[in-house]
């Protein structure tokens, strides 16, 4: 899945070589970028927010500030870790927020703007103004993904990837999902939980124990989830983003982003898609000619 946790120098060097190859492919694809991408009949252009990164991962946006948080692999040959970073989507200013070692996954309390960071040694609160950090739970755990809505939910990088929560520093298994494993997770505006694992995409109403496995989806494994400003859930696969239709328990292709897409995306405060490619972070913005010149 999305979290490739590096424990050997040979593995990280392999990933760096892969990213270099992907970067060369992206250079050759600039004609495609200049032609734009159509979504629902509207022409969008690629805006490069940050280039020269190695495998940017797990994008999430603080909608209070329009700040994008994510992680990427260090380019230091002597290091083998992820670094936490952010991009101000209003100014495109890029900052490495590497105050937490191996900061990988991020979650935002959209009510308060509180930032949480999952690392290879637990989950931390992070204050983007003071830069202060505080360990709040899951000490010693390698965190795969986290999500916040009223509670902090997380999955550990473990053989069995069950969903857990943190309350007052105490961690507990989230029993409503029973024995279903979770790679990525979110809750929509109607308190429906969505999660993905190697078997596919699921939804389940909070307070119940009945999960629905979506049918008719691509053969490849879904990798991550995102929710737009209208509360519509989206699921990311390699090469494409799909829109979820809860009424029919199905998904509809929203956009094909090609082989460089790293299957992680978010939506900014203007509901534009922000996503990761092999060596860069990109935003799709409507063309000045919204009719695509037609």
C-alpha atoms as a PDB file:
ATOM      1  CA  UNK A   1       0.000   0.000   0.000  1.00  0.00           C
ATOM      2  CA  UNK A   2       0.966   3.642   0.204  1.00  0.00           C
ATOM      3  CA  UNK A   3       3.260   3.375   3.274  1.00  0.00           C
ATOM      4  CA  UNK A   4       6.548   1.812   2.189  1.00  0.00           C
ATOM      5  CA  UNK A   5       8.431   1.878   5.471  1.00  0.00           C
ATOM      6  CA  UNK A   6      12.151   1.867   4.830  1.00  0.00           C
ATOM      7  CA  UNK A   7      14.359  -0.250   7.077  1.00  0.00           C
ATOM      8  CA  UNK A   8      17.295  -0.905   4.746  1.00  0.00           C
ATOM      9  CA  UNK A   9      19.491   1.482   2.791  1.00  0.00           C
ATOM     10  CA  UNK A  10      19.135  -0.686  -0.313  1.00  0.00           C
ATOM     11  CA  UNK A  11      15.357  -0.236  -0.260  1.00  0.00           C
ATOM     12  CA  UNK A  12      15.476   3.537   0.011  1.00  0.00           C
ATOM     13  CA  UNK A  13      18.074   3.705  -2.762  1.00  0.00           C
ATOM     14  CA  UNK A  14      15.733   1.633  -4.917  1.00  0.00           C
ATOM     15  CA  UNK A  15      12.881   4.053  -4.191  1.00  0.00           C
ATOM     16  CA  UNK A  16      15.103   7.009  -5.024  1.00  0.00           C
ATOM     17  CA  UNK A  17      16.065   5.456  -8.357  1.00  0.00           C
ATOM     18  CA  UNK A  18      12.389   4.808  -9.033  1.00  0.00           C
ATOM     19  CA  UNK A  19      11.541   8.430  -8.267  1.00  0.00           C
ATOM     20  CA  UNK A  20      14.312   9.611 -10.597  1.00  0.00           C
ATOM     21  CA  UNK A  21      12.884   7.469 -13.380  1.00  0.00           C
ATOM     22  CA  UNK A  22       9.391   8.797 -12.661  1.00  0.00           C
ATOM     23  CA  UNK A  23      10.758  12.343 -12.781  1.00  0.00           C
ATOM     24  CA  UNK A  24      12.185  11.723 -16.240  1.00  0.00           C
ATOM     25  CA  UNK A  25       8.834  10.354 -17.365  1.00  0.00           C
ATOM     26  CA  UNK A  26       7.094  13.442 -15.992  1.00  0.00           C
ATOM     27  CA  UNK A  27       9.416  15.703 -17.974  1.00  0.00           C
ATOM     28  CA  UNK A  28       8.411  13.862 -21.127  1.00  0.00           C
ATOM     29  CA  UNK A  29       4.749  14.315 -20.178  1.00  0.00           C
ATOM     30  CA  UNK A  30       4.825  18.134 -20.090  1.00  0.00           C
ATOM     31  CA  UNK A  31       2.939  18.283 -23.402  1.00  0.00           C
ATOM     32  CA  UNK A  32       0.103  16.403 -21.763  1.00  0.00           C
ATOM     33  CA  UNK A  33       0.209  18.830 -18.822  1.00  0.00           C
ATOM     34  CA  UNK A  34       0.017  21.833 -21.145  1.00  0.00           C
ATOM     35  CA  UNK A  35      -2.998  20.322 -22.884  1.00  0.00           C
ATOM     36  CA  UNK A  36      -4.815  20.072 -19.567  1.00  0.00           C
ATOM     37  CA  UNK A  37      -7.234  17.587 -18.063  1.00  0.00           C
ATOM     38  CA  UNK A  38     -11.000  17.586 -18.382  1.00  0.00           C
ATOM     39  CA  UNK A  39     -13.179  16.887 -15.331  1.00  0.00           C
ATOM     40  CA  UNK A  40     -16.952  16.997 -15.766  1.00  0.00           C
ATOM     41  CA  UNK A  41     -16.520  18.970 -18.990  1.00  0.00           C
ATOM     42  CA  UNK A  42     -14.269  21.639 -17.424  1.00  0.00           C
ATOM     43  CA  UNK A  43     -10.662  22.072 -18.532  1.00  0.00           C
ATOM     44  CA  UNK A  44      -8.105  22.013 -15.722  1.00  0.00           C
ATOM     45  CA  UNK A  45      -4.407  22.824 -15.905  1.00  0.00           C
ATOM     46  CA  UNK A  46      -1.589  21.411 -13.803  1.00  0.00           C
ATOM     47  CA  UNK A  47      -0.089  23.808 -11.281  1.00  0.00           C
ATOM     48  CA  UNK A  48       3.200  22.446  -9.893  1.00  0.00           C
ATOM     49  CA  UNK A  49       3.223  23.257  -6.178  1.00  0.00           C
ATOM     50  CA  UNK A  50       6.529  21.556  -5.349  1.00  0.00           C
ATOM     51  CA  UNK A  51       8.980  19.546  -7.448  1.00  0.00           C
ATOM     52  CA  UNK A  52      12.152  17.545  -6.682  1.00  0.00           C
ATOM     53  CA  UNK A  53      10.595  15.410  -3.973  1.00  0.00           C
ATOM     54  CA  UNK A  54      10.853  11.656  -3.488  1.00  0.00           C
ATOM     55  CA  UNK A  55       7.486   9.924  -3.288  1.00  0.00           C
ATOM     56  CA  UNK A  56       5.261  12.523  -1.558  1.00  0.00           C
ATOM     57  CA  UNK A  57       2.679  10.606   0.479  1.00  0.00           C
ATOM     58  CA  UNK A  58      -0.649  10.883   2.309  1.00  0.00           C
ATOM     59  CA  UNK A  59      -1.834  14.389   1.456  1.00  0.00           C
ATOM     60  CA  UNK A  60      -4.271  16.150   3.786  1.00  0.00           C
ATOM     61  CA  UNK A  61      -5.472  19.780   3.924  1.00  0.00           C
ATOM     62  CA  UNK A  62      -6.241  22.028   6.886  1.00  0.00           C
ATOM     63  CA  UNK A  63      -9.232  23.877   5.459  1.00  0.00           C
ATOM     64  CA  UNK A  64      -9.014  26.576   8.112  1.00  0.00           C
ATOM     65  CA  UNK A  65      -5.683  27.789   6.721  1.00  0.00           C
ATOM     66  CA  UNK A  66      -5.583  26.062   3.299  1.00  0.00           C
ATOM     67  CA  UNK A  67      -2.363  24.367   4.400  1.00  0.00           C
ATOM     68  CA  UNK A  68      -1.395  21.037   2.819  1.00  0.00           C
ATOM     69  CA  UNK A  69       0.419  18.499   5.000  1.00  0.00           C
ATOM     70  CA  UNK A  70       2.229  15.437   3.643  1.00  0.00           C
ATOM     71  CA  UNK A  71       5.442  13.427   3.909  1.00  0.00           C
ATOM     72  CA  UNK A  72       8.234  12.488   1.533  1.00  0.00           C
ATOM     73  CA  UNK A  73      11.371  10.362   1.555  1.00  0.00           C
ATOM     74  CA  UNK A  74      14.643  11.996   2.568  1.00  0.00           C
ATOM     75  CA  UNK A  75      17.196  12.438  -0.225  1.00  0.00           C
ATOM     76  CA  UNK A  76      20.094  12.042   2.186  1.00  0.00           C
ATOM     77  CA  UNK A  77      22.010   8.882   1.291  1.00  0.00           C
ATOM     78  CA  UNK A  78      22.880   8.450   4.979  1.00  0.00           C
ATOM     79  CA  UNK A  79      19.249   8.610   6.096  1.00  0.00           C
ATOM     80  CA  UNK A  80      16.411   6.184   5.616  1.00  0.00           C
ATOM     81  CA  UNK A  81      13.324   8.017   6.720  1.00  0.00           C
ATOM     82  CA  UNK A  82      10.290  10.108   5.913  1.00  0.00           C
ATOM     83  CA  UNK A  83      10.123  13.828   6.496  1.00  0.00           C
ATOM     84  CA  UNK A  84       6.995  15.796   7.340  1.00  0.00           C
ATOM     85  CA  UNK A  85       6.261  18.874   5.211  1.00  0.00           C
ATOM     86  CA  UNK A  86       3.612  21.451   4.413  1.00  0.00           C
ATOM     87  CA  UNK A  87       2.686  23.766   1.544  1.00  0.00           C
ATOM     88  CA  UNK A  88       0.682  26.946   1.980  1.00  0.00           C
ATOM     89  CA  UNK A  89      -1.824  26.541  -0.849  1.00  0.00           C
ATOM     90  CA  UNK A  90      -2.450  30.304  -0.889  1.00  0.00           C
ATOM     91  CA  UNK A  91       1.203  31.247  -1.479  1.00  0.00           C
ATOM     92  CA  UNK A  92       2.809  27.909  -2.535  1.00  0.00           C
ATOM     93  CA  UNK A  93       5.412  28.326   0.246  1.00  0.00           C
ATOM     94  CA  UNK A  94       7.006  24.958   1.052  1.00  0.00           C
ATOM     95  CA  UNK A  95       8.286  24.154   4.557  1.00  0.00           C
ATOM     96  CA  UNK A  96       9.839  21.025   6.013  1.00  0.00           C
ATOM     97  CA  UNK A  97       8.259  20.485   9.442  1.00  0.00           C
ATOM     98  CA  UNK A  98      10.727  17.816  10.462  1.00  0.00           C
ATOM     99  CA  UNK A  99      10.322  18.247  14.212  1.00  0.00           C
ATOM    100  CA  UNK A 100       9.003  14.704  14.626  1.00  0.00           C
ATOM    101  CA  UNK A 101      11.323  11.911  13.551  1.00  0.00           C
ATOM    102  CA  UNK A 102       9.798   9.742  10.822  1.00  0.00           C
ATOM    103  CA  UNK A 103       6.653  11.910  10.637  1.00  0.00           C
ATOM    104  CA  UNK A 104       4.606  10.143   8.006  1.00  0.00           C
ATOM    105  CA  UNK A 105       0.819  10.462   8.374  1.00  0.00           C
ATOM    106  CA  UNK A 106      -1.116  13.649   9.178  1.00  0.00           C
ATOM    107  CA  UNK A 107      -4.630  14.360  10.401  1.00  0.00           C
ATOM    108  CA  UNK A 108      -6.435  17.637  11.004  1.00  0.00           C
ATOM    109  CA  UNK A 109      -9.236  18.501  13.400  1.00  0.00           C
ATOM    110  CA  UNK A 110     -11.146  20.680  10.926  1.00  0.00           C
ATOM    111  CA  UNK A 111     -13.052  22.369  13.766  1.00  0.00           C
ATOM    112  CA  UNK A 112     -10.004  23.613  15.661  1.00  0.00           C
ATOM    113  CA  UNK A 113      -7.124  23.315  13.187  1.00  0.00           C
ATOM    114  CA  UNK A 114      -5.206  20.992  15.525  1.00  0.00           C
ATOM    115  CA  UNK A 115      -2.604  18.961  13.609  1.00  0.00           C
ATOM    116  CA  UNK A 116      -1.720  15.359  14.463  1.00  0.00           C
ATOM    117  CA  UNK A 117       1.305  13.491  13.128  1.00  0.00           C
ATOM    118  CA  UNK A 118       1.761   9.731  13.034  1.00  0.00           C
ATOM    119  CA  UNK A 119       5.355   8.527  13.183  1.00  0.00           C
ATOM    120  CA  UNK A 120       7.288   5.302  13.656  1.00  0.00           C
ATOM    121  CA  UNK A 121       7.133   5.905  17.415  1.00  0.00           C
ATOM    122  CA  UNK A 122       3.561   6.955  18.102  1.00  0.00           C
ATOM    123  CA  UNK A 123       1.208   9.880  17.489  1.00  0.00           C
ATOM    124  CA  UNK A 124       1.985  13.510  18.277  1.00  0.00           C
ATOM    125  CA  UNK A 125       0.160  16.809  18.489  1.00  0.00           C
ATOM    126  CA  UNK A 126       1.911  19.463  16.434  1.00  0.00           C
ATOM    127  CA  UNK A 127       1.433  23.210  16.859  1.00  0.00           C
ATOM    128  CA  UNK A 128       2.228  24.837  13.488  1.00  0.00           C
ATOM    129  CA  UNK A 129       2.707  28.256  15.125  1.00  0.00           C
ATOM    130  CA  UNK A 130       5.005  27.411  18.047  1.00  0.00           C
ATOM    131  CA  UNK A 131       6.408  24.227  16.435  1.00  0.00           C
ATOM    132  CA  UNK A 132       5.851  22.478  19.772  1.00  0.00           C
ATOM    133  CA  UNK A 133       5.068  18.770  19.773  1.00  0.00           C
ATOM    134  CA  UNK A 134       3.511  16.452  22.324  1.00  0.00           C
ATOM    135  CA  UNK A 135       3.302  12.672  22.295  1.00  0.00           C
ATOM    136  CA  UNK A 136      -0.364  11.808  22.886  1.00  0.00           C
ATOM    137  CA  UNK A 137      -0.469   8.037  22.455  1.00  0.00           C
ATOM    138  CA  UNK A 138       0.513   4.795  20.724  1.00  0.00           C
ATOM    139  CA  UNK A 139       4.075   5.102  22.028  1.00  0.00           C
ATOM    140  CA  UNK A 140       6.393   2.687  20.223  1.00  0.00           C
ATOM    141  CA  UNK A 141       3.892   2.000  17.428  1.00  0.00           C
ATOM    142  CA  UNK A 142       4.692   2.511  13.756  1.00  0.00           C
ATOM    143  CA  UNK A 143       1.703   4.453  12.412  1.00  0.00           C
ATOM    144  CA  UNK A 144       0.366   3.705   8.934  1.00  0.00           C
ATOM    145  CA  UNK A 145      -2.525   6.194   8.734  1.00  0.00           C
ATOM    146  CA  UNK A 146      -4.511   8.554  10.973  1.00  0.00           C
ATOM    147  CA  UNK A 147      -7.782  10.454  10.728  1.00  0.00           C
ATOM    148  CA  UNK A 148      -9.590  12.872  13.024  1.00  0.00           C
ATOM    149  CA  UNK A 149     -13.302  13.494  13.428  1.00  0.00           C
ATOM    150  CA  UNK A 150     -14.375  13.908  17.053  1.00  0.00           C
ATOM    151  CA  UNK A 151     -11.891  11.120  17.841  1.00  0.00           C
ATOM    152  CA  UNK A 152      -8.424  10.284  16.586  1.00  0.00           C
ATOM    153  CA  UNK A 153      -8.463   7.070  14.553  1.00  0.00           C
ATOM    154  CA  UNK A 154      -5.319   5.265  13.469  1.00  0.00           C
ATOM    155  CA  UNK A 155      -3.926   2.083  11.965  1.00  0.00           C
ATOM    156  CA  UNK A 156      -0.557   0.600  12.859  1.00  0.00           C
ATOM    157  CA  UNK A 157       1.896  -0.765  10.322  1.00  0.00           C
ATOM    158  CA  UNK A 158       1.473  -4.310  11.548  1.00  0.00           C
ATOM    159  CA  UNK A 159       0.665  -7.777  10.284  1.00  0.00           C
ATOM    160  CA  UNK A 160      -3.006  -7.208  11.163  1.00  0.00           C
ATOM    161  CA  UNK A 161      -4.013  -3.622  10.457  1.00  0.00           C
ATOM    162  CA  UNK A 162      -7.044  -3.072  12.666  1.00  0.00           C
ATOM    163  CA  UNK A 163      -8.449   0.386  13.377  1.00  0.00           C
ATOM    164  CA  UNK A 164      -7.746   1.913  16.800  1.00  0.00           C
ATOM    165  CA  UNK A 165      -8.691   5.134  18.586  1.00  0.00           C
ATOM    166  CA  UNK A 166      -7.005   7.355  21.156  1.00  0.00           C
ATOM    167  CA  UNK A 167      -8.997   8.873  24.031  1.00  0.00           C
ATOM    168  CA  UNK A 168      -7.217  10.724  26.858  1.00  0.00           C
ATOM    169  CA  UNK A 169      -3.956   9.047  25.897  1.00  0.00           C
ATOM    170  CA  UNK A 170      -5.426   5.561  25.980  1.00  0.00           C
ATOM    171  CA  UNK A 171      -5.535   3.449  22.828  1.00  0.00           C
ATOM    172  CA  UNK A 172      -8.230   0.894  22.102  1.00  0.00           C
ATOM    173  CA  UNK A 173      -9.377  -1.275  19.232  1.00  0.00           C
ATOM    174  CA  UNK A 174     -12.351   0.152  17.314  1.00  0.00           C
ATOM    175  CA  UNK A 175     -14.788  -2.714  17.717  1.00  0.00           C
ATOM    176  CA  UNK A 176     -17.462  -1.540  15.261  1.00  0.00           C
ATOM    177  CA  UNK A 177     -15.314  -2.714  12.354  1.00  0.00           C
ATOM    178  CA  UNK A 178     -14.814  -6.095  14.022  1.00  0.00           C
ATOM    179  CA  UNK A 179     -12.109  -8.059  12.183  1.00  0.00           C
ATOM    180  CA  UNK A 180     -11.931  -5.894   9.071  1.00  0.00           C
ATOM    181  CA  UNK A 181      -8.488  -4.472   8.395  1.00  0.00           C
ATOM    182  CA  UNK A 182      -8.000  -0.810   7.494  1.00  0.00           C
ATOM    183  CA  UNK A 183      -5.336   0.811   5.333  1.00  0.00           C
ATOM    184  CA  UNK A 184      -6.979   4.246   5.012  1.00  0.00           C
ATOM    185  CA  UNK A 185     -10.105   5.642   6.686  1.00  0.00           C
ATOM    186  CA  UNK A 186     -12.437   8.645   6.823  1.00  0.00           C
ATOM    187  CA  UNK A 187     -15.925   9.636   7.977  1.00  0.00           C
ATOM    188  CA  UNK A 188     -18.257  11.673   5.770  1.00  0.00           C
ATOM    189  CA  UNK A 189     -20.723  14.409   6.756  1.00  0.00           C
ATOM    190  CA  UNK A 190     -23.482  11.859   7.418  1.00  0.00           C
ATOM    191  CA  UNK A 191     -21.359   9.774   9.819  1.00  0.00           C
ATOM    192  CA  UNK A 192     -20.736   7.038   7.279  1.00  0.00           C
ATOM    193  CA  UNK A 193     -17.300   5.493   7.668  1.00  0.00           C
ATOM    194  CA  UNK A 194     -15.315   4.630   4.558  1.00  0.00           C
ATOM    195  CA  UNK A 195     -12.203   2.498   4.562  1.00  0.00           C
ATOM    196  CA  UNK A 196     -10.025   0.550   2.165  1.00  0.00           C
ATOM    197  CA  UNK A 197      -7.968  -2.608   2.434  1.00  0.00           C
ATOM    198  CA  UNK A 198      -6.597  -5.198   0.023  1.00  0.00           C
ATOM    199  CA  UNK A 199     -10.128  -6.525  -0.571  1.00  0.00           C
ATOM    200  CA  UNK A 200     -11.560  -3.207  -1.763  1.00  0.00           C
ATOM    201  CA  UNK A 201     -13.643  -0.237  -0.624  1.00  0.00           C
ATOM    202  CA  UNK A 202     -16.094  -0.472   2.276  1.00  0.00           C
ATOM    203  CA  UNK A 203     -18.649   1.816   3.897  1.00  0.00           C
ATOM    204  CA  UNK A 204     -20.381   1.434   7.243  1.00  0.00           C
ATOM    205  CA  UNK A 205     -22.695   3.713   9.216  1.00  0.00           C
ATOM    206  CA  UNK A 206     -21.281   4.655  12.604  1.00  0.00           C
ATOM    207  CA  UNK A 207     -23.043   2.861  15.430  1.00  0.00           C
ATOM    208  CA  UNK A 208     -23.588  -0.274  13.356  1.00  0.00           C
ATOM    209  CA  UNK A 209     -21.546  -3.376  12.639  1.00  0.00           C
ATOM    210  CA  UNK A 210     -22.676  -3.922   9.047  1.00  0.00           C
ATOM    211  CA  UNK A 211     -20.068  -3.063   6.412  1.00  0.00           C
ATOM    212  CA  UNK A 212     -20.856  -2.802   2.695  1.00  0.00           C
ATOM    213  CA  UNK A 213     -18.192  -3.934   0.226  1.00  0.00           C
ATOM    214  CA  UNK A 214     -18.479  -1.920  -2.965  1.00  0.00           C
ATOM    215  CA  UNK A 215     -18.921  -3.924  -6.150  1.00  0.00           C
ATOM    216  CA  UNK A 216     -17.814  -3.364  -9.727  1.00  0.00           C
ATOM    217  CA  UNK A 217     -14.603  -1.565  -8.824  1.00  0.00           C
ATOM    218  CA  UNK A 218     -11.189  -1.820 -10.540  1.00  0.00           C
ATOM    219  CA  UNK A 219      -9.179  -5.011 -10.125  1.00  0.00           C
ATOM    220  CA  UNK A 220      -6.305  -3.135  -8.481  1.00  0.00           C
ATOM    221  CA  UNK A 221      -6.340  -2.299  -4.779  1.00  0.00           C
ATOM    222  CA  UNK A 222      -7.714   1.087  -3.595  1.00  0.00           C
ATOM    223  CA  UNK A 223      -4.971   2.982  -1.787  1.00  0.00           C
ATOM    224  CA  UNK A 224      -6.378   6.091  -0.123  1.00  0.00           C
ATOM    225  CA  UNK A 225      -9.485   8.206   0.453  1.00  0.00           C
ATOM    226  CA  UNK A 226     -10.313  11.912   0.255  1.00  0.00           C
ATOM    227  CA  UNK A 227     -13.419  13.994   0.884  1.00  0.00           C
ATOM    228  CA  UNK A 228     -14.193  17.202  -1.024  1.00  0.00           C
ATOM    229  CA  UNK A 229     -15.694  20.464   0.206  1.00  0.00           C
ATOM    230  CA  UNK A 230     -19.192  19.201  -0.635  1.00  0.00           C
ATOM    231  CA  UNK A 231     -18.772  16.085   1.488  1.00  0.00           C
ATOM    232  CA  UNK A 232     -18.364  13.729  -1.470  1.00  0.00           C
ATOM    233  CA  UNK A 233     -15.971  10.863  -0.791  1.00  0.00           C
ATOM    234  CA  UNK A 234     -13.343   9.922  -3.378  1.00  0.00           C
ATOM    235  CA  UNK A 235     -11.135   6.859  -3.618  1.00  0.00           C
ATOM    236  CA  UNK A 236      -7.675   6.836  -5.172  1.00  0.00           C
ATOM    237  CA  UNK A 237      -6.306   3.983  -7.239  1.00  0.00           C
ATOM    238  CA  UNK A 238      -3.083   3.829  -9.189  1.00  0.00           C
ATOM    239  CA  UNK A 239      -3.592   6.186 -12.131  1.00  0.00           C
ATOM    240  CA  UNK A 240      -7.161   7.333 -11.290  1.00  0.00           C
ATOM    241  CA  UNK A 241      -9.493   9.031  -8.804  1.00  0.00           C
ATOM    242  CA  UNK A 242     -13.073   7.774  -8.488  1.00  0.00           C
ATOM    243  CA  UNK A 243     -16.119   9.461  -6.947  1.00  0.00           C
ATOM    244  CA  UNK A 244     -18.219   7.444  -4.502  1.00  0.00           C
ATOM    245  CA  UNK A 245     -21.974   7.055  -5.020  1.00  0.00           C
ATOM    246  CA  UNK A 246     -23.398   5.989  -1.665  1.00  0.00           C
ATOM    247  CA  UNK A 247     -26.901   5.412  -3.006  1.00  0.00           C
ATOM    248  CA  UNK A 248     -25.813   2.709  -5.445  1.00  0.00           C
ATOM    249  CA  UNK A 249     -22.757   1.529  -3.474  1.00  0.00           C
ATOM    250  CA  UNK A 250     -20.649   2.132  -6.573  1.00  0.00           C
ATOM    251  CA  UNK A 251     -17.887   4.407  -7.805  1.00  0.00           C
ATOM    252  CA  UNK A 252     -17.598   6.572 -10.904  1.00  0.00           C
ATOM    253  CA  UNK A 253     -14.376   7.595 -12.648  1.00  0.00           C
ATOM    254  CA  UNK A 254     -13.643  11.265 -11.943  1.00  0.00           C
ATOM    255  CA  UNK A 255     -10.239  11.686 -13.571  1.00  0.00           C
ATOM    256  CA  UNK A 256      -7.428   9.578 -14.992  1.00  0.00           C
ATOM    257  CA  UNK A 257      -4.088  11.032 -13.859  1.00  0.00           C
ATOM    258  CA  UNK A 258      -1.732   8.551 -15.499  1.00  0.00           C
ATOM    259  CA  UNK A 259       0.995   6.235 -14.280  1.00  0.00           C
ATOM    260  CA  UNK A 260       2.875   8.916 -12.288  1.00  0.00           C
ATOM    261  CA  UNK A 261      -0.053   9.357  -9.881  1.00  0.00           C
ATOM    262  CA  UNK A 262       0.872   8.041  -6.420  1.00  0.00           C
ATOM    263  CA  UNK A 263      -2.734   7.336  -5.408  1.00  0.00           C
ATOM    264  CA  UNK A 264      -2.980  10.074  -2.789  1.00  0.00           C
ATOM    265  CA  UNK A 265      -5.014  13.273  -3.112  1.00  0.00           C
ATOM    266  CA  UNK A 266      -6.841  15.985  -1.161  1.00  0.00           C
ATOM    267  CA  UNK A 267      -9.066  18.986  -1.909  1.00  0.00           C
ATOM    268  CA  UNK A 268      -8.157  22.600  -1.184  1.00  0.00           C
ATOM    269  CA  UNK A 269     -10.596  25.205   0.173  1.00  0.00           C
ATOM    270  CA  UNK A 270     -11.722  25.978  -3.398  1.00  0.00           C
ATOM    271  CA  UNK A 271     -12.418  22.285  -3.999  1.00  0.00           C
ATOM    272  CA  UNK A 272      -9.500  21.889  -6.395  1.00  0.00           C
ATOM    273  CA  UNK A 273      -7.768  18.514  -6.461  1.00  0.00           C
ATOM    274  CA  UNK A 274      -4.244  18.420  -5.033  1.00  0.00           C
ATOM    275  CA  UNK A 275      -2.349  15.196  -5.662  1.00  0.00           C
ATOM    276  CA  UNK A 276       1.081  13.543  -5.622  1.00  0.00           C
ATOM    277  CA  UNK A 277       3.155  12.345  -8.530  1.00  0.00           C
ATOM    278  CA  UNK A 278       6.479  10.502  -8.304  1.00  0.00           C
ATOM    279  CA  UNK A 279       8.591  13.597  -7.562  1.00  0.00           C
ATOM    280  CA  UNK A 280       6.148  16.458  -7.134  1.00  0.00           C
ATOM    281  CA  UNK A 281       2.905  17.797  -5.697  1.00  0.00           C
ATOM    282  CA  UNK A 282       0.383  19.109  -8.229  1.00  0.00           C
ATOM    283  CA  UNK A 283      -2.883  21.046  -8.101  1.00  0.00           C
ATOM    284  CA  UNK A 284      -5.519  21.006 -10.843  1.00  0.00           C
ATOM    285  CA  UNK A 285      -6.902  24.509 -11.394  1.00  0.00           C
ATOM    286  CA  UNK A 286      -9.648  25.514 -13.840  1.00  0.00           C
ATOM    287  CA  UNK A 287      -8.287  26.987 -17.061  1.00  0.00           C
ATOM    288  CA  UNK A 288      -8.892  30.705 -17.661  1.00  0.00           C
ATOM    289  CA  UNK A 289     -11.078  29.511 -20.536  1.00  0.00           C
ATOM    290  CA  UNK A 290     -13.503  27.307 -18.587  1.00  0.00           C
ATOM    291  CA  UNK A 291     -14.996  26.051 -21.846  1.00  0.00           C
ATOM    292  CA  UNK A 292     -11.628  24.711 -22.921  1.00  0.00           C
ATOM    293  CA  UNK A 293     -11.508  26.982 -25.959  1.00  0.00           C
ATOM    294  CA  UNK A 294     -14.480  25.291 -27.545  1.00  0.00           C
END
